[in-house]
Amino acid sequence: QLQASGGGLVQAGGSLGLSCAANRTIFDFMGWYRQPPGKERELVATITRAGRIDSTNSVKGRFTISRDNHKNTVALQMNSLKPEDTAVYYCYARFNLKEYWGQGTQVTVSS
């Protein structure tokens, strides 16, 4: 259902982008979660079909989530990356309370 791309290795202060494409279903929510090494999976940001955004405080002002309802994609532009942003990032979508997860993509920020 969800195909994520992007990520990689970047130095602190750098930028990376993530993209996720969904097939067919128009999801109520789309977005991103991440799982840092040794920690629980956590919300990064989500966006509704209407464009309402929810994001964790630690990424506000640095990460931008966007969505293209026609192409059924969601993107995450990550700027001013910090070593603590290092994690496996997962594309997420929800439709009628059912959740879907994409494969994880690694983001590593070196200091």
C-alpha atoms as a PDB file:
ATOM      1  CA  GLN A   1       0.000   0.000   0.000  1.00  0.00           C
ATOM      2  CA  LEU A   2       2.767   2.443   0.919  1.00  0.00           C
ATOM      3  CA  GLN A   3       6.093   2.785  -0.822  1.00  0.00           C
ATOM      4  CA  ALA A   4       8.657   5.038   0.819  1.00  0.00           C
ATOM      5  CA  SER A   5      11.832   6.423  -0.672  1.00  0.00           C
ATOM      6  CA  GLY A   6      14.577   8.803   0.332  1.00  0.00           C
ATOM      7  CA  GLY A   7      16.646   8.996   3.460  1.00  0.00           C
ATOM      8  CA  GLY A   8      20.334   8.276   3.751  1.00  0.00           C
ATOM      9  CA  LEU A   9      23.357   9.712   5.499  1.00  0.00           C
ATOM     10  CA  VAL A  10      23.906  13.411   6.049  1.00  0.00           C
ATOM     11  CA  GLN A  11      26.011  15.625   8.279  1.00  0.00           C
ATOM     12  CA  ALA A  12      24.432  17.638  11.063  1.00  0.00           C
ATOM     13  CA  GLY A  13      22.857  20.786   9.690  1.00  0.00           C
ATOM     14  CA  GLY A  14      22.147  19.170   6.362  1.00  0.00           C
ATOM     15  CA  SER A  15      18.888  18.297   4.628  1.00  0.00           C
ATOM     16  CA  LEU A  16      17.166  15.178   3.399  1.00  0.00           C
ATOM     17  CA  GLY A  17      13.807  14.421   1.864  1.00  0.00           C
ATOM     18  CA  LEU A  18      11.468  11.489   2.222  1.00  0.00           C
ATOM     19  CA  SER A  19       8.619  10.580  -0.061  1.00  0.00           C
ATOM     20  CA  CYS A  20       5.861   8.032   0.194  1.00  0.00           C
ATOM     21  CA  ALA A  21       3.423   6.917  -2.479  1.00  0.00           C
ATOM     22  CA  ALA A  22       0.147   5.185  -1.757  1.00  0.00           C
ATOM     23  CA  ASN A  23      -1.812   3.118  -4.205  1.00  0.00           C
ATOM     24  CA  ARG A  24      -5.547   3.584  -4.708  1.00  0.00           C
ATOM     25  CA  THR A  25      -6.790   4.383  -1.223  1.00  0.00           C
ATOM     26  CA  ILE A  26      -7.279   8.020  -0.353  1.00  0.00           C
ATOM     27  CA  PHE A  27      -6.200   8.057   3.239  1.00  0.00           C
ATOM     28  CA  ASP A  28      -7.627  10.307   5.936  1.00  0.00           C
ATOM     29  CA  PHE A  29      -4.187  10.735   7.487  1.00  0.00           C
ATOM     30  CA  MET A  30      -0.761  10.333   5.956  1.00  0.00           C
ATOM     31  CA  GLY A  31       2.555  11.037   7.541  1.00  0.00           C
ATOM     32  CA  TRP A  32       5.711   9.816   9.158  1.00  0.00           C
ATOM     33  CA  TYR A  33       6.806   8.099  12.331  1.00  0.00           C
ATOM     34  CA  ARG A  34      10.346   7.268  13.341  1.00  0.00           C
ATOM     35  CA  GLN A  35      12.108   4.818  15.589  1.00  0.00           C
ATOM     36  CA  PRO A  36      15.467   5.958  16.961  1.00  0.00           C
ATOM     37  CA  PRO A  37      17.969   3.267  17.943  1.00  0.00           C
ATOM     38  CA  GLY A  38      16.875   1.550  21.150  1.00  0.00           C
ATOM     39  CA  LYS A  39      13.720   3.628  21.467  1.00  0.00           C
ATOM     40  CA  GLU A  40      10.008   3.361  20.779  1.00  0.00           C
ATOM     41  CA  ARG A  41       8.447   4.429  17.518  1.00  0.00           C
ATOM     42  CA  GLU A  42       7.299   8.052  17.727  1.00  0.00           C
ATOM     43  CA  LEU A  43       5.271  10.511  15.734  1.00  0.00           C
ATOM     44  CA  VAL A  44       7.127  12.880  13.429  1.00  0.00           C
ATOM     45  CA  ALA A  45       4.280  14.521  11.544  1.00  0.00           C
ATOM     46  CA  THR A  46       0.938  13.732   9.979  1.00  0.00           C
ATOM     47  CA  ILE A  47      -1.275  15.627   7.576  1.00  0.00           C
ATOM     48  CA  THR A  48      -4.958  15.190   6.811  1.00  0.00           C
ATOM     49  CA  ARG A  49      -6.575  15.375   3.386  1.00  0.00           C
ATOM     50  CA  ALA A  50      -7.600  18.915   4.243  1.00  0.00           C
ATOM     51  CA  GLY A  51      -4.026  19.835   5.110  1.00  0.00           C
ATOM     52  CA  ARG A  52      -4.215  19.927   8.874  1.00  0.00           C
ATOM     53  CA  ILE A  53      -0.793  19.124  10.308  1.00  0.00           C
ATOM     54  CA  ASP A  54       0.220  17.546  13.578  1.00  0.00           C
ATOM     55  CA  SER A  55       3.915  17.284  14.402  1.00  0.00           C
ATOM     56  CA  THR A  56       6.161  16.644  17.341  1.00  0.00           C
ATOM     57  CA  ASN A  57       7.737  19.701  18.921  1.00  0.00           C
ATOM     58  CA  SER A  58      11.290  18.612  18.242  1.00  0.00           C
ATOM     59  CA  VAL A  59      10.865  18.931  14.465  1.00  0.00           C
ATOM     60  CA  LYS A  60       8.789  22.100  14.279  1.00  0.00           C
ATOM     61  CA  GLY A  61      10.539  24.774  12.284  1.00  0.00           C
ATOM     62  CA  ARG A  62      12.909  22.221  10.740  1.00  0.00           C
ATOM     63  CA  PHE A  63      10.738  19.590   9.054  1.00  0.00           C
ATOM     64  CA  THR A  64       7.983  20.269   6.563  1.00  0.00           C
ATOM     65  CA  ILE A  65       5.319  17.744   5.678  1.00  0.00           C
ATOM     66  CA  SER A  66       3.329  18.062   2.489  1.00  0.00           C
ATOM     67  CA  ARG A  67       0.761  16.028   0.674  1.00  0.00           C
ATOM     68  CA  ASP A  68      -0.456  15.735  -2.893  1.00  0.00           C
ATOM     69  CA  ASN A  69      -3.965  14.305  -2.855  1.00  0.00           C
ATOM     70  CA  HIS A  70      -4.043  13.911  -6.637  1.00  0.00           C
ATOM     71  CA  LYS A  71      -0.850  11.871  -6.731  1.00  0.00           C
ATOM     72  CA  ASN A  72      -1.629  10.240  -3.382  1.00  0.00           C
ATOM     73  CA  THR A  73       1.787  11.026  -2.002  1.00  0.00           C
ATOM     74  CA  VAL A  74       3.196  12.500   1.181  1.00  0.00           C
ATOM     75  CA  ALA A  75       6.623  14.048   1.558  1.00  0.00           C
ATOM     76  CA  LEU A  76       8.799  15.122   4.444  1.00  0.00           C
ATOM     77  CA  GLN A  77      11.469  17.742   3.902  1.00  0.00           C
ATOM     78  CA  MET A  78      13.962  17.641   6.749  1.00  0.00           C
ATOM     79  CA  ASN A  79      16.259  20.635   7.240  1.00  0.00           C
ATOM     80  CA  SER A  80      18.765  21.512   9.938  1.00  0.00           C
ATOM     81  CA  LEU A  81      19.104  17.855  10.781  1.00  0.00           C
ATOM     82  CA  LYS A  82      20.543  16.861  14.142  1.00  0.00           C
ATOM     83  CA  PRO A  83      22.189  13.619  15.263  1.00  0.00           C
ATOM     84  CA  GLU A  84      19.116  12.940  17.411  1.00  0.00           C
ATOM     85  CA  ASP A  85      17.039  12.768  14.220  1.00  0.00           C
ATOM     86  CA  THR A  86      18.826   9.530  13.406  1.00  0.00           C
ATOM     87  CA  ALA A  87      16.172   6.840  13.132  1.00  0.00           C
ATOM     88  CA  VAL A  88      14.310   4.506  10.869  1.00  0.00           C
ATOM     89  CA  TYR A  89      11.506   6.549   9.371  1.00  0.00           C
ATOM     90  CA  TYR A  90       8.194   4.901   8.531  1.00  0.00           C
ATOM     91  CA  CYS A  91       5.514   6.151   6.209  1.00  0.00           C
ATOM     92  CA  TYR A  92       2.104   5.970   7.859  1.00  0.00           C
ATOM     93  CA  ALA A  93      -1.451   6.188   6.627  1.00  0.00           C
ATOM     94  CA  ARG A  94      -4.867   5.742   8.135  1.00  0.00           C
ATOM     95  CA  PHE A  95      -8.256   5.133   6.561  1.00  0.00           C
ATOM     96  CA  ASN A  96     -11.410   4.457   8.544  1.00  0.00           C
ATOM     97  CA  LEU A  97      -9.335   3.816  11.671  1.00  0.00           C
ATOM     98  CA  LYS A  98      -7.239   1.165   9.921  1.00  0.00           C
ATOM     99  CA  GLU A  99      -3.522   1.894   9.948  1.00  0.00           C
ATOM    100  CA  TYR A 100      -1.004   1.126   7.256  1.00  0.00           C
ATOM    101  CA  TRP A 101       2.780   1.225   7.430  1.00  0.00           C
ATOM    102  CA  GLY A 102       5.393   1.450   4.745  1.00  0.00           C
ATOM    103  CA  GLN A 103       8.780  -0.160   4.908  1.00  0.00           C
ATOM    104  CA  GLY A 104      11.233   1.780   7.029  1.00  0.00           C
ATOM    105  CA  THR A 105      13.915   3.960   5.548  1.00  0.00           C
ATOM    106  CA  GLN A 106      17.090   4.818   7.438  1.00  0.00           C
ATOM    107  CA  VAL A 107      18.054   8.398   8.167  1.00  0.00           C
ATOM    108  CA  THR A 108      21.470   8.840   9.746  1.00  0.00           C
ATOM    109  CA  VAL A 109      22.779  12.236  10.831  1.00  0.00           C
ATOM    110  CA  SER A 110      26.447  12.383  11.702  1.00  0.00           C
ATOM    111  CA  SER A 111      27.838  14.961  14.093  1.00  0.00           C
END
